[in-house]
């Protein structure tokens, strides 16, 4: 089963804030997004990602509640399943970590939750 090796790999990938920052930068670059340049907001989100990865073995979005375990939460592994649609519609993902290239950071705000719980 792949669960244990993936978790070990995840833990090493998210062992500290700088590792998580590199991961976020890589995701943003691959998808044509940008990481939110607001250092205070970004640091809180990255620290939450690091903490959830270390606690659960997966980098779950720290802005959402986990719904049980395992398969119930695959949709909120960062970047979550909803991030592309959120960025297309609102210029940002739910937590505000990822932005469209044209999004003004001054306009980052709460957006509707797409996840059905």
C-alpha atoms as a PDB file:
ATOM      1  CA  UNK A   1       0.000   0.000   0.000  1.00  0.00           C
ATOM      2  CA  UNK A   2       1.360   3.473  -0.911  1.00  0.00           C
ATOM      3  CA  UNK A   3      -0.003   5.328   2.121  1.00  0.00           C
ATOM      4  CA  UNK A   4       2.995   4.898   4.424  1.00  0.00           C
ATOM      5  CA  UNK A   5       5.763   5.779   1.923  1.00  0.00           C
ATOM      6  CA  UNK A   6       3.769   8.787   0.742  1.00  0.00           C
ATOM      7  CA  UNK A   7       3.400   9.972   4.315  1.00  0.00           C
ATOM      8  CA  UNK A   8       7.118   9.605   5.014  1.00  0.00           C
ATOM      9  CA  UNK A   9       7.896  11.527   1.846  1.00  0.00           C
ATOM     10  CA  UNK A  10       5.358  14.168   2.798  1.00  0.00           C
ATOM     11  CA  UNK A  11       6.831  14.604   6.242  1.00  0.00           C
ATOM     12  CA  UNK A  12      10.299  15.226   4.868  1.00  0.00           C
ATOM     13  CA  UNK A  13       8.917  17.580   2.219  1.00  0.00           C
ATOM     14  CA  UNK A  14       7.058  19.593   4.866  1.00  0.00           C
ATOM     15  CA  UNK A  15       9.573  19.405   7.688  1.00  0.00           C
ATOM     16  CA  UNK A  16       9.916  23.169   8.128  1.00  0.00           C
ATOM     17  CA  UNK A  17       8.464  26.461   6.970  1.00  0.00           C
ATOM     18  CA  UNK A  18      11.057  26.961   4.239  1.00  0.00           C
ATOM     19  CA  UNK A  19      10.281  23.543   2.736  1.00  0.00           C
ATOM     20  CA  UNK A  20       6.579  24.386   2.654  1.00  0.00           C
ATOM     21  CA  UNK A  21       7.361  27.760   1.074  1.00  0.00           C
ATOM     22  CA  UNK A  22       9.345  26.027  -1.697  1.00  0.00           C
ATOM     23  CA  UNK A  23       6.453  23.622  -2.258  1.00  0.00           C
ATOM     24  CA  UNK A  24       3.968  26.514  -2.546  1.00  0.00           C
ATOM     25  CA  UNK A  25       6.262  28.322  -4.994  1.00  0.00           C
ATOM     26  CA  UNK A  26       6.578  25.186  -7.135  1.00  0.00           C
ATOM     27  CA  UNK A  27       2.812  24.667  -7.216  1.00  0.00           C
ATOM     28  CA  UNK A  28       2.208  28.292  -8.149  1.00  0.00           C
ATOM     29  CA  UNK A  29       4.838  28.232 -10.898  1.00  0.00           C
ATOM     30  CA  UNK A  30       3.477  25.020 -12.432  1.00  0.00           C
ATOM     31  CA  UNK A  31      -0.081  26.320 -12.496  1.00  0.00           C
ATOM     32  CA  UNK A  32       0.574  29.900 -13.563  1.00  0.00           C
ATOM     33  CA  UNK A  33      -0.460  31.302 -10.177  1.00  0.00           C
ATOM     34  CA  UNK A  34       1.459  33.398  -7.666  1.00  0.00           C
ATOM     35  CA  UNK A  35       1.924  32.871  -3.955  1.00  0.00           C
ATOM     36  CA  UNK A  36       0.275  35.654  -2.001  1.00  0.00           C
ATOM     37  CA  UNK A  37       2.976  38.296  -1.412  1.00  0.00           C
ATOM     38  CA  UNK A  38       1.490  39.352   1.952  1.00  0.00           C
ATOM     39  CA  UNK A  39       4.130  37.942   4.330  1.00  0.00           C
ATOM     40  CA  UNK A  40       1.896  37.880   7.429  1.00  0.00           C
ATOM     41  CA  UNK A  41      -0.980  35.990   5.800  1.00  0.00           C
ATOM     42  CA  UNK A  42       1.291  33.678   3.863  1.00  0.00           C
ATOM     43  CA  UNK A  43       3.373  32.732   6.886  1.00  0.00           C
ATOM     44  CA  UNK A  44       0.268  31.804   8.886  1.00  0.00           C
ATOM     45  CA  UNK A  45      -1.062  29.624   6.051  1.00  0.00           C
ATOM     46  CA  UNK A  46       2.319  27.975   5.398  1.00  0.00           C
ATOM     47  CA  UNK A  47       2.779  27.290   9.114  1.00  0.00           C
ATOM     48  CA  UNK A  48      -0.678  25.689   9.173  1.00  0.00           C
ATOM     49  CA  UNK A  49       0.190  23.529   6.162  1.00  0.00           C
ATOM     50  CA  UNK A  50       3.412  22.440   7.842  1.00  0.00           C
ATOM     51  CA  UNK A  51       1.573  21.621  11.048  1.00  0.00           C
ATOM     52  CA  UNK A  52      -1.178  19.591   9.355  1.00  0.00           C
ATOM     53  CA  UNK A  53       1.405  17.679   7.320  1.00  0.00           C
ATOM     54  CA  UNK A  54       3.398  16.856  10.431  1.00  0.00           C
ATOM     55  CA  UNK A  55       0.278  15.822  12.398  1.00  0.00           C
ATOM     56  CA  UNK A  56      -1.539  13.865   9.686  1.00  0.00           C
ATOM     57  CA  UNK A  57       1.115  12.958   7.132  1.00  0.00           C
ATOM     58  CA  UNK A  58      -0.665  14.987   4.446  1.00  0.00           C
ATOM     59  CA  UNK A  59      -0.557  18.709   3.582  1.00  0.00           C
ATOM     60  CA  UNK A  60      -4.244  19.435   4.169  1.00  0.00           C
ATOM     61  CA  UNK A  61      -5.480  22.985   3.697  1.00  0.00           C
ATOM     62  CA  UNK A  62      -5.225  24.574   7.133  1.00  0.00           C
ATOM     63  CA  UNK A  63      -8.271  26.759   6.410  1.00  0.00           C
ATOM     64  CA  UNK A  64     -10.674  23.832   6.229  1.00  0.00           C
ATOM     65  CA  UNK A  65     -11.877  21.279   8.755  1.00  0.00           C
ATOM     66  CA  UNK A  66     -10.911  17.668   8.221  1.00  0.00           C
ATOM     67  CA  UNK A  67     -13.890  15.404   7.622  1.00  0.00           C
ATOM     68  CA  UNK A  68     -12.967  12.117   9.233  1.00  0.00           C
ATOM     69  CA  UNK A  69      -9.860  10.473   7.805  1.00  0.00           C
ATOM     70  CA  UNK A  70      -8.311   9.295   4.558  1.00  0.00           C
ATOM     71  CA  UNK A  71     -10.410   9.441   1.408  1.00  0.00           C
ATOM     72  CA  UNK A  72     -12.863  11.919   2.936  1.00  0.00           C
ATOM     73  CA  UNK A  73     -10.169  14.600   2.810  1.00  0.00           C
ATOM     74  CA  UNK A  74      -8.335  13.978  -0.464  1.00  0.00           C
ATOM     75  CA  UNK A  75     -10.093  17.007  -1.914  1.00  0.00           C
ATOM     76  CA  UNK A  76      -8.407  19.382   0.528  1.00  0.00           C
ATOM     77  CA  UNK A  77      -4.789  18.324   0.081  1.00  0.00           C
ATOM     78  CA  UNK A  78      -3.027  21.529  -0.929  1.00  0.00           C
ATOM     79  CA  UNK A  79      -3.588  22.729  -3.552  1.00  0.00           C
ATOM     80  CA  UNK A  80      -7.154  21.627  -2.997  1.00  0.00           C
ATOM     81  CA  UNK A  81      -9.468  20.300  -5.677  1.00  0.00           C
ATOM     82  CA  UNK A  82     -11.357  23.601  -5.623  1.00  0.00           C
ATOM     83  CA  UNK A  83      -8.400  25.954  -6.009  1.00  0.00           C
ATOM     84  CA  UNK A  84      -8.411  26.218  -9.826  1.00  0.00           C
ATOM     85  CA  UNK A  85     -12.131  27.079  -9.949  1.00  0.00           C
ATOM     86  CA  UNK A  86     -11.737  29.537  -7.062  1.00  0.00           C
ATOM     87  CA  UNK A  87      -8.815  31.248  -8.746  1.00  0.00           C
ATOM     88  CA  UNK A  88     -10.670  31.381 -12.070  1.00  0.00           C
ATOM     89  CA  UNK A  89     -13.744  32.914 -10.441  1.00  0.00           C
ATOM     90  CA  UNK A  90     -12.325  34.965  -7.562  1.00  0.00           C
ATOM     91  CA  UNK A  91      -8.626  35.400  -8.384  1.00  0.00           C
ATOM     92  CA  UNK A  92      -7.614  33.492  -5.245  1.00  0.00           C
ATOM     93  CA  UNK A  93      -7.960  30.119  -3.596  1.00  0.00           C
ATOM     94  CA  UNK A  94     -10.140  29.685  -0.519  1.00  0.00           C
ATOM     95  CA  UNK A  95      -7.375  30.392   1.999  1.00  0.00           C
ATOM     96  CA  UNK A  96      -5.702  33.096  -0.091  1.00  0.00           C
ATOM     97  CA  UNK A  97      -2.337  31.362  -0.437  1.00  0.00           C
ATOM     98  CA  UNK A  98      -2.538  31.170  -4.218  1.00  0.00           C
ATOM     99  CA  UNK A  99      -3.583  34.071  -6.412  1.00  0.00           C
ATOM    100  CA  UNK A 100      -4.090  34.641 -10.099  1.00  0.00           C
ATOM    101  CA  UNK A 101      -1.301  36.684 -11.657  1.00  0.00           C
ATOM    102  CA  UNK A 102      -3.600  39.723 -11.949  1.00  0.00           C
ATOM    103  CA  UNK A 103      -5.121  39.634  -8.444  1.00  0.00           C
ATOM    104  CA  UNK A 104      -4.439  42.737  -6.357  1.00  0.00           C
ATOM    105  CA  UNK A 105      -3.322  41.524  -2.929  1.00  0.00           C
ATOM    106  CA  UNK A 106      -5.301  44.396  -1.379  1.00  0.00           C
ATOM    107  CA  UNK A 107      -8.474  42.699  -2.658  1.00  0.00           C
ATOM    108  CA  UNK A 108      -7.861  39.267  -1.102  1.00  0.00           C
ATOM    109  CA  UNK A 109     -10.889  38.479   1.040  1.00  0.00           C
ATOM    110  CA  UNK A 110     -13.160  35.666   2.103  1.00  0.00           C
ATOM    111  CA  UNK A 111     -14.743  33.731  -0.745  1.00  0.00           C
ATOM    112  CA  UNK A 112     -17.579  31.196  -0.692  1.00  0.00           C
ATOM    113  CA  UNK A 113     -16.775  27.643   0.354  1.00  0.00           C
ATOM    114  CA  UNK A 114     -17.169  25.134  -2.504  1.00  0.00           C
ATOM    115  CA  UNK A 115     -16.650  22.038  -0.403  1.00  0.00           C
ATOM    116  CA  UNK A 116     -19.825  20.257   0.541  1.00  0.00           C
ATOM    117  CA  UNK A 117     -19.636  18.855   4.037  1.00  0.00           C
END
